[in-house]
Full PDB file with SEQRES, HELIX, SHEET, SSBOND, CRYST1, ORIGX, SCALE, CONECT and MASTER records, all heavy atoms in Angstrom:
SEQRES   1 A   31  VAL GLU ILE ARG GLU LEU CYS ASN ALA LEU VAL ASP TRP          
SEQRES   2 A   31  LEU ARG GLU LYS VAL HIS GLU ALA GLY ALA ARG GLY ALA          
SEQRES   3 A   31  VAL PHE GLY LEU SER                                          
HELIX    1 AA1 GLU A    2  GLU A   20  1                                  19    
CRYST1    1.000    1.000    1.000  90.00  90.00  90.00 P 1           1          
ORIGX1      1.000000  0.000000  0.000000        0.00000                         
ORIGX2      0.000000  1.000000  0.000000        0.00000                         
ORIGX3      0.000000  0.000000  1.000000        0.00000                         
SCALE1      1.000000  0.000000  0.000000        0.00000                         
SCALE2      0.000000  1.000000  0.000000        0.00000                         
SCALE3      0.000000  0.000000  1.000000        0.00000                         
ATOM      1  N   VAL A   1     110.824 104.108  97.541  1.00  0.00           N  
ATOM      2  CA  VAL A   1     110.695 103.288  98.748  1.00  0.00           C  
ATOM      3  C   VAL A   1     109.903 104.048  99.810  1.00  0.00           C  
ATOM      4  O   VAL A   1     109.014 103.498 100.470  1.00  0.00           O  
ATOM      5  CB  VAL A   1     112.084 102.900  99.295  1.00  0.00           C  
ATOM      6  CG1 VAL A   1     111.945 102.202 100.648  1.00  0.00           C  
ATOM      7  CG2 VAL A   1     112.815 102.004  98.303  1.00  0.00           C  
ATOM      8  N   GLU A   2     110.191 105.348  99.963  1.00  0.00           N  
ATOM      9  CA  GLU A   2     109.490 106.167 100.946  1.00  0.00           C  
ATOM     10  C   GLU A   2     108.001 106.266 100.615  1.00  0.00           C  
ATOM     11  O   GLU A   2     107.150 106.176 101.505  1.00  0.00           O  
ATOM     12  CB  GLU A   2     110.104 107.568 100.992  1.00  0.00           C  
ATOM     13  CG  GLU A   2     111.522 107.598 101.542  1.00  0.00           C  
ATOM     14  CD  GLU A   2     112.116 108.987 101.495  1.00  0.00           C  
ATOM     15  OE1 GLU A   2     111.415 109.931 101.075  1.00  0.00           O  
ATOM     16  OE2 GLU A   2     113.295 109.145 101.883  1.00  0.00           O  
ATOM     17  N   ILE A   3     107.692 106.451  99.332  1.00  0.00           N  
ATOM     18  CA  ILE A   3     106.286 106.558  98.927  1.00  0.00           C  
ATOM     19  C   ILE A   3     105.575 105.229  99.128  1.00  0.00           C  
ATOM     20  O   ILE A   3     104.417 105.192  99.572  1.00  0.00           O  
ATOM     21  CB  ILE A   3     106.187 107.014  97.452  1.00  0.00           C  
ATOM     22  CG1 ILE A   3     106.719 108.442  97.295  1.00  0.00           C  
ATOM     23  CG2 ILE A   3     104.744 106.938  96.974  1.00  0.00           C  
ATOM     24  CD1 ILE A   3     105.908 109.489  98.034  1.00  0.00           C  
ATOM     25  N   ARG A   4     106.251 104.125  98.825  1.00  0.00           N  
ATOM     26  CA  ARG A   4     105.646 102.811  99.042  1.00  0.00           C  
ATOM     27  C   ARG A   4     105.360 102.587 100.522  1.00  0.00           C  
ATOM     28  O   ARG A   4     104.288 102.089 100.894  1.00  0.00           O  
ATOM     29  CB  ARG A   4     106.556 101.710  98.500  1.00  0.00           C  
ATOM     30  CG  ARG A   4     105.948 100.306  98.657  1.00  0.00           C  
ATOM     31  CD  ARG A   4     106.732  99.246  97.939  1.00  0.00           C  
ATOM     32  NE  ARG A   4     108.055  99.048  98.513  1.00  0.00           N  
ATOM     33  CZ  ARG A   4     109.189  99.360  97.898  1.00  0.00           C  
ATOM     34  NH1 ARG A   4     109.173  99.891  96.686  1.00  0.00           N  
ATOM     35  NH2 ARG A   4     110.364  99.149  98.480  1.00  0.00           N  
ATOM     36  N   GLU A   5     106.302 102.969 101.366  1.00  0.00           N  
ATOM     37  CA  GLU A   5     106.108 102.828 102.808  1.00  0.00           C  
ATOM     38  C   GLU A   5     104.962 103.715 103.293  1.00  0.00           C  
ATOM     39  O   GLU A   5     104.181 103.315 104.170  1.00  0.00           O  
ATOM     40  CB  GLU A   5     107.404 103.170 103.544  1.00  0.00           C  
ATOM     41  CG  GLU A   5     108.502 102.134 103.333  1.00  0.00           C  
ATOM     42  CD  GLU A   5     109.807 102.534 103.995  1.00  0.00           C  
ATOM     43  OE1 GLU A   5     109.925 103.697 104.450  1.00  0.00           O  
ATOM     44  OE2 GLU A   5     110.729 101.685 104.053  1.00  0.00           O  
ATOM     45  N   LEU A   6     104.867 104.925 102.732  1.00  0.00           N  
ATOM     46  CA  LEU A   6     103.762 105.827 103.087  1.00  0.00           C  
ATOM     47  C   LEU A   6     102.427 105.218 102.695  1.00  0.00           C  
ATOM     48  O   LEU A   6     101.474 105.208 103.484  1.00  0.00           O  
ATOM     49  CB  LEU A   6     103.945 107.180 102.392  1.00  0.00           C  
ATOM     50  CG  LEU A   6     102.772 108.160 102.497  1.00  0.00           C  
ATOM     51  CD1 LEU A   6     102.497 108.530 103.947  1.00  0.00           C  
ATOM     52  CD2 LEU A   6     103.035 109.406 101.649  1.00  0.00           C  
ATOM     53  N   CYS A   7     102.356 104.686 101.496  1.00  0.00           N  
ATOM     54  CA  CYS A   7     101.124 104.071 101.020  1.00  0.00           C  
ATOM     55  C   CYS A   7     100.722 102.910 101.919  1.00  0.00           C  
ATOM     56  O   CYS A   7      99.563 102.810 102.339  1.00  0.00           O  
ATOM     57  CB  CYS A   7     101.305 103.598  99.581  1.00  0.00           C  
ATOM     58  SG  CYS A   7      99.852 102.797  98.877  1.00  0.00           S  
ATOM     59  N   ASN A   8     101.674 102.049 102.247  1.00  0.00           N  
ATOM     60  CA  ASN A   8     101.380 100.900 103.107  1.00  0.00           C  
ATOM     61  C   ASN A   8     100.936 101.349 104.493  1.00  0.00           C  
ATOM     62  O   ASN A   8     100.037 100.752 105.096  1.00  0.00           O  
ATOM     63  CB  ASN A   8     102.603  99.994 103.213  1.00  0.00           C  
ATOM     64  CG  ASN A   8     102.934  99.283 101.912  1.00  0.00           C  
ATOM     65  OD1 ASN A   8     102.075  99.135 101.045  1.00  0.00           O  
ATOM     66  ND2 ASN A   8     104.178  98.852 101.756  1.00  0.00           N  
ATOM     67  N   ALA A   9     101.560 102.427 104.986  1.00  0.00           N  
ATOM     68  CA  ALA A   9     101.206 102.939 106.303  1.00  0.00           C  
ATOM     69  C   ALA A   9      99.782 103.495 106.314  1.00  0.00           C  
ATOM     70  O   ALA A   9      99.039 103.308 107.287  1.00  0.00           O  
ATOM     71  CB  ALA A   9     102.201 104.008 106.745  1.00  0.00           C  
ATOM     72  N   LEU A  10      99.399 104.160 105.240  1.00  0.00           N  
ATOM     73  CA  LEU A  10      98.042 104.709 105.151  1.00  0.00           C  
ATOM     74  C   LEU A  10      97.007 103.585 105.072  1.00  0.00           C  
ATOM     75  O   LEU A  10      95.947 103.666 105.694  1.00  0.00           O  
ATOM     76  CB  LEU A  10      97.921 105.620 103.931  1.00  0.00           C  
ATOM     77  CG  LEU A  10      98.674 106.956 104.008  1.00  0.00           C  
ATOM     78  CD1 LEU A  10      98.598 107.686 102.675  1.00  0.00           C  
ATOM     79  CD2 LEU A  10      98.115 107.834 105.121  1.00  0.00           C  
ATOM     80  N   VAL A  11      97.322 102.541 104.323  1.00  0.00           N  
ATOM     81  CA  VAL A  11      96.428 101.384 104.236  1.00  0.00           C  
ATOM     82  C   VAL A  11      96.256 100.749 105.610  1.00  0.00           C  
ATOM     83  O   VAL A  11      95.135 100.458 106.050  1.00  0.00           O  
ATOM     84  CB  VAL A  11      96.970 100.357 103.213  1.00  0.00           C  
ATOM     85  CG1 VAL A  11      96.222  99.023 103.333  1.00  0.00           C  
ATOM     86  CG2 VAL A  11      96.855 100.908 101.793  1.00  0.00           C  
ATOM     87  N   ASP A  12      97.368 100.552 106.313  1.00  0.00           N  
ATOM     88  CA  ASP A  12      97.305  99.951 107.651  1.00  0.00           C  
ATOM     89  C   ASP A  12      96.528 100.837 108.617  1.00  0.00           C  
ATOM     90  O   ASP A  12      95.752 100.336 109.446  1.00  0.00           O  
ATOM     91  CB  ASP A  12      98.719  99.716 108.190  1.00  0.00           C  
ATOM     92  CG  ASP A  12      99.457  98.604 107.464  1.00  0.00           C  
ATOM     93  OD1 ASP A  12      98.790  97.797 106.777  1.00  0.00           O  
ATOM     94  OD2 ASP A  12     100.700  98.549 107.565  1.00  0.00           O  
ATOM     95  N   TRP A  13      96.736 102.147 108.522  1.00  0.00           N  
ATOM     96  CA  TRP A  13      96.052 103.093 109.413  1.00  0.00           C  
ATOM     97  C   TRP A  13      94.546 103.065 109.189  1.00  0.00           C  
ATOM     98  O   TRP A  13      93.773 103.041 110.151  1.00  0.00           O  
ATOM     99  CB  TRP A  13      96.604 104.492 109.180  1.00  0.00           C  
ATOM    100  CG  TRP A  13      95.989 105.546 110.056  1.00  0.00           C  
ATOM    101  CD1 TRP A  13      96.294 105.822 111.360  1.00  0.00           C  
ATOM    102  CD2 TRP A  13      94.950 106.467 109.681  1.00  0.00           C  
ATOM    103  NE1 TRP A  13      95.511 106.862 111.819  1.00  0.00           N  
ATOM    104  CE2 TRP A  13      94.690 107.271 110.821  1.00  0.00           C  
ATOM    105  CE3 TRP A  13      94.247 106.692 108.503  1.00  0.00           C  
ATOM    106  CZ2 TRP A  13      93.718 108.290 110.799  1.00  0.00           C  
ATOM    107  CZ3 TRP A  13      93.282 107.698 108.484  1.00  0.00           C  
ATOM    108  CH2 TRP A  13      93.031 108.482 109.619  1.00  0.00           C  
ATOM    109  N   LEU A  14      94.127 103.033 107.925  1.00  0.00           N  
ATOM    110  CA  LEU A  14      92.703 102.957 107.627  1.00  0.00           C  
ATOM    111  C   LEU A  14      92.088 101.680 108.202  1.00  0.00           C  
ATOM    112  O   LEU A  14      91.024 101.724 108.828  1.00  0.00           O  
ATOM    113  CB  LEU A  14      92.469 103.015 106.118  1.00  0.00           C  
ATOM    114  CG  LEU A  14      92.544 104.389 105.461  1.00  0.00           C  
ATOM    115  CD1 LEU A  14      92.467 104.239 103.936  1.00  0.00           C  
ATOM    116  CD2 LEU A  14      91.432 105.293 105.948  1.00  0.00           C  
ATOM    117  N   ARG A  15      92.751 100.562 108.000  1.00  0.00           N  
ATOM    118  CA  ARG A  15      92.240  99.297 108.532  1.00  0.00           C  
ATOM    119  C   ARG A  15      92.116  99.361 110.053  1.00  0.00           C  
ATOM    120  O   ARG A  15      91.120  98.922 110.636  1.00  0.00           O  
ATOM    121  CB  ARG A  15      93.177  98.154 108.139  1.00  0.00           C  
ATOM    122  CG  ARG A  15      93.106  97.767 106.665  1.00  0.00           C  
ATOM    123  CD  ARG A  15      94.161  96.740 106.360  1.00  0.00           C  
ATOM    124  NE  ARG A  15      94.107  96.306 104.963  1.00  0.00           N  
ATOM    125  CZ  ARG A  15      95.142  95.767 104.325  1.00  0.00           C  
ATOM    126  NH1 ARG A  15      96.296  95.592 104.965  1.00  0.00           N  
ATOM    127  NH2 ARG A  15      95.025  95.397 103.066  1.00  0.00           N  
ATOM    128  N   GLU A  16      93.133  99.913 110.692  1.00  0.00           N  
ATOM    129  CA  GLU A  16      93.148  99.992 112.156  1.00  0.00           C  
ATOM    130  C   GLU A  16      91.986 100.844 112.668  1.00  0.00           C  
ATOM    131  O   GLU A  16      91.277 100.437 113.603  1.00  0.00           O  
ATOM    132  CB  GLU A  16      94.481 100.585 112.610  1.00  0.00           C  
ATOM    133  CG  GLU A  16      94.582 100.797 114.113  1.00  0.00           C  
ATOM    134  CD  GLU A  16      95.864 101.526 114.500  1.00  0.00           C  
ATOM    135  OE1 GLU A  16      96.785 101.639 113.659  1.00  0.00           O  
ATOM    136  OE2 GLU A  16      95.939 101.990 115.648  1.00  0.00           O  
ATOM    137  N   LYS A  17      91.782 102.020 112.078  1.00  0.00           N  
ATOM    138  CA  LYS A  17      90.756 102.934 112.557  1.00  0.00           C  
ATOM    139  C   LYS A  17      89.352 102.405 112.278  1.00  0.00           C  
ATOM    140  O   LYS A  17      88.436 102.578 113.094  1.00  0.00           O  
ATOM    141  CB  LYS A  17      90.939 104.318 111.937  1.00  0.00           C  
ATOM    142  CG  LYS A  17      92.224 105.012 112.369  1.00  0.00           C  
ATOM    143  CD  LYS A  17      92.326 105.076 113.881  1.00  0.00           C  
ATOM    144  CE  LYS A  17      93.654 105.616 114.355  1.00  0.00           C  
ATOM    145  NZ  LYS A  17      93.784 105.541 115.839  1.00  0.00           N  
ATOM    146  N   VAL A  18      89.171 101.781 111.145  1.00  0.00           N  
ATOM    147  CA  VAL A  18      87.870 101.188 110.830  1.00  0.00           C  
ATOM    148  C   VAL A  18      87.583 100.031 111.782  1.00  0.00           C  
ATOM    149  O   VAL A  18      86.465  99.893 112.294  1.00  0.00           O  
ATOM    150  CB  VAL A  18      87.824 100.742 109.356  1.00  0.00           C  
ATOM    151  CG1 VAL A  18      86.632  99.826 109.086  1.00  0.00           C  
ATOM    152  CG2 VAL A  18      87.773 101.971 108.439  1.00  0.00           C  
ATOM    153  N   HIS A  19      88.592  99.207 112.049  1.00  0.00           N  
ATOM    154  CA  HIS A  19      88.425  98.085 112.986  1.00  0.00           C  
ATOM    155  C   HIS A  19      88.102  98.596 114.387  1.00  0.00           C  
ATOM    156  O   HIS A  19      87.219  98.044 115.071  1.00  0.00           O  
ATOM    157  CB  HIS A  19      89.691  97.237 113.010  1.00  0.00           C  
ATOM    158  CG  HIS A  19      89.651  96.114 114.006  1.00  0.00           C  
ATOM    159  ND1 HIS A  19      88.894  94.976 113.813  1.00  0.00           N  
ATOM    160  CD2 HIS A  19      90.261  95.969 115.218  1.00  0.00           C  
ATOM    161  CE1 HIS A  19      89.036  94.181 114.858  1.00  0.00           C  
ATOM    162  NE2 HIS A  19      89.858  94.761 115.722  1.00  0.00           N  
ATOM    163  N   GLU A  20      88.800  99.652 114.822  1.00  0.00           N  
ATOM    164  CA  GLU A  20      88.560 100.214 116.154  1.00  0.00           C  
ATOM    165  C   GLU A  20      87.115 100.691 116.302  1.00  0.00           C  
ATOM    166  O   GLU A  20      86.545 100.639 117.399  1.00  0.00           O  
ATOM    167  CB  GLU A  20      89.513 101.378 116.418  1.00  0.00           C  
ATOM    168  CG  GLU A  20      90.946 100.975 116.696  1.00  0.00           C  
ATOM    169  CD  GLU A  20      91.866 102.170 116.861  1.00  0.00           C  
ATOM    170  OE1 GLU A  20      91.378 103.320 116.736  1.00  0.00           O  
ATOM    171  OE2 GLU A  20      93.065 101.969 117.133  1.00  0.00           O  
ATOM    172  N   ALA A  21      86.545 101.175 115.209  1.00  0.00           N  
ATOM    173  CA  ALA A  21      85.174 101.688 115.246  1.00  0.00           C  
ATOM    174  C   ALA A  21      84.134 100.574 115.115  1.00  0.00           C  
ATOM    175  O   ALA A  21      82.928 100.852 115.145  1.00  0.00           O  
ATOM    176  CB  ALA A  21      84.975 102.715 114.130  1.00  0.00           C  
ATOM    177  N   GLY A  22      84.590  99.335 114.943  1.00  0.00           N  
ATOM    178  CA  GLY A  22      83.668  98.238 114.745  1.00  0.00           C  
ATOM    179  C   GLY A  22      82.966  98.283 113.401  1.00  0.00           C  
ATOM    180  O   GLY A  22      81.877  97.714 113.239  1.00  0.00           O  
ATOM    181  N   ALA A  23      83.586  98.958 112.432  1.00  0.00           N  
ATOM    182  CA  ALA A  23      83.011  99.086 111.089  1.00  0.00           C  
ATOM    183  C   ALA A  23      83.623  98.051 110.151  1.00  0.00           C  
ATOM    184  O   ALA A  23      84.583  97.342 110.504  1.00  0.00           O  
ATOM    185  CB  ALA A  23      83.227 100.496 110.553  1.00  0.00           C  
ATOM    186  N   ARG A  24      83.052  97.947 108.948  1.00  0.00           N  
ATOM    187  CA  ARG A  24      83.462  96.926 107.987  1.00  0.00           C  
ATOM    188  C   ARG A  24      84.354  97.449 106.874  1.00  0.00           C  
ATOM    189  O   ARG A  24      85.074  96.685 106.231  1.00  0.00           O  
ATOM    190  CB  ARG A  24      82.226  96.288 107.337  1.00  0.00           C  
ATOM    191  CG  ARG A  24      81.319  95.536 108.272  1.00  0.00           C  
ATOM    192  CD  ARG A  24      80.068  95.041 107.546  1.00  0.00           C  
ATOM    193  NE  ARG A  24      80.383  94.312 106.317  1.00  0.00           N  
ATOM    194  CZ  ARG A  24      80.066  94.750 105.088  1.00  0.00           C  
ATOM    195  NH1 ARG A  24      79.438  95.901 104.914  1.00  0.00           N  
ATOM    196  NH2 ARG A  24      80.369  94.021 104.040  1.00  0.00           N  
ATOM    197  N   GLY A  25      84.256  98.748 106.573  1.00  0.00           N  
ATOM    198  CA  GLY A  25      84.972  99.273 105.427  1.00  0.00           C  
ATOM    199  C   GLY A  25      84.786 100.771 105.306  1.00  0.00           C  
ATOM    200  O   GLY A  25      84.571 101.469 106.302  1.00  0.00           O  
ATOM    201  N   ALA A  26      84.845 101.277 104.067  1.00  0.00           N  
ATOM    202  CA  ALA A  26      84.886 102.713 103.848  1.00  0.00           C  
ATOM    203  C   ALA A  26      84.004 103.132 102.675  1.00  0.00           C  
ATOM    204  O   ALA A  26      83.890 102.423 101.676  1.00  0.00           O  
ATOM    205  CB  ALA A  26      86.325 103.155 103.574  1.00  0.00           C  
ATOM    206  N   VAL A  27      83.406 104.302 102.812  1.00  0.00           N  
ATOM    207  CA  VAL A  27      82.695 104.952 101.713  1.00  0.00           C  
ATOM    208  C   VAL A  27      83.313 106.333 101.516  1.00  0.00           C  
ATOM    209  O   VAL A  27      83.720 106.980 102.486  1.00  0.00           O  
ATOM    210  CB  VAL A  27      81.180 105.041 101.987  1.00  0.00           C  
ATOM    211  CG1 VAL A  27      80.877 105.860 103.231  1.00  0.00           C  
ATOM    212  CG2 VAL A  27      80.440 105.614 100.782  1.00  0.00           C  
ATOM    213  N   PHE A  28      83.400 106.768 100.279  1.00  0.00           N  
ATOM    214  CA  PHE A  28      84.087 108.017  99.962  1.00  0.00           C  
ATOM    215  C   PHE A  28      83.512 108.583  98.681  1.00  0.00           C  
ATOM    216  O   PHE A  28      82.921 107.864  97.865  1.00  0.00           O  
ATOM    217  CB  PHE A  28      85.599 107.784  99.800  1.00  0.00           C  
ATOM    218  CG  PHE A  28      85.918 106.575  98.970  1.00  0.00           C  
ATOM    219  CD1 PHE A  28      86.018 106.647  97.586  1.00  0.00           C  
ATOM    220  CD2 PHE A  28      86.071 105.332  99.573  1.00  0.00           C  
ATOM    221  CE1 PHE A  28      86.271 105.518  96.833  1.00  0.00           C  
ATOM    222  CE2 PHE A  28      86.324 104.188  98.823  1.00  0.00           C  
ATOM    223  CZ  PHE A  28      86.427 104.281  97.448  1.00  0.00           C  
ATOM    224  N   GLY A  29      83.677 109.883  98.496  1.00  0.00           N  
ATOM    225  CA  GLY A  29      83.245 110.514  97.265  1.00  0.00           C  
ATOM    226  C   GLY A  29      84.309 110.410  96.194  1.00  0.00           C  
ATOM    227  O   GLY A  29      85.506 110.546  96.474  1.00  0.00           O  
ATOM    228  N   LEU A  30      83.880 110.151  94.962  1.00  0.00           N  
ATOM    229  CA  LEU A  30      84.778 110.161  93.802  1.00  0.00           C  
ATOM    230  C   LEU A  30      84.378 111.329  92.920  1.00  0.00           C  
ATOM    231  O   LEU A  30      83.330 111.307  92.285  1.00  0.00           O  
ATOM    232  CB  LEU A  30      84.672 108.846  93.026  1.00  0.00           C  
ATOM    233  CG  LEU A  30      85.392 107.631  93.607  1.00  0.00           C  
ATOM    234  CD1 LEU A  30      85.086 106.393  92.771  1.00  0.00           C  
ATOM    235  CD2 LEU A  30      86.901 107.867  93.663  1.00  0.00           C  
ATOM    236  N   SER A  31      85.223 112.349  92.893  1.00  0.00           N  
ATOM    237  CA  SER A  31      84.883 113.584  92.194  1.00  0.00           C  
ATOM    238  C   SER A  31      85.506 113.699  90.814  1.00  0.00           C  
ATOM    239  O   SER A  31      85.154 114.590  90.044  1.00  0.00           O  
ATOM    240  CB  SER A  31      85.329 114.787  93.030  1.00  0.00           C  
ATOM    241  OG  SER A  31      86.757 114.836  93.089  1.00  0.00           O  
TER     242      SER A  31                                                      
MASTER        0    0    0    1    0    0    0    6  241    1    0    3          
END                                                                             
C-alpha cells in the first residue's frame, strides 16, 4: 500500500511540475 501510494504521488508530482512549467510531457534517457 505504501509503495502504491508513493508511485501515485510521484505520478501526480510529475504532472504538477510539468503543468507548472507550461510543458506537455517528459523526455528521459533509457539506459
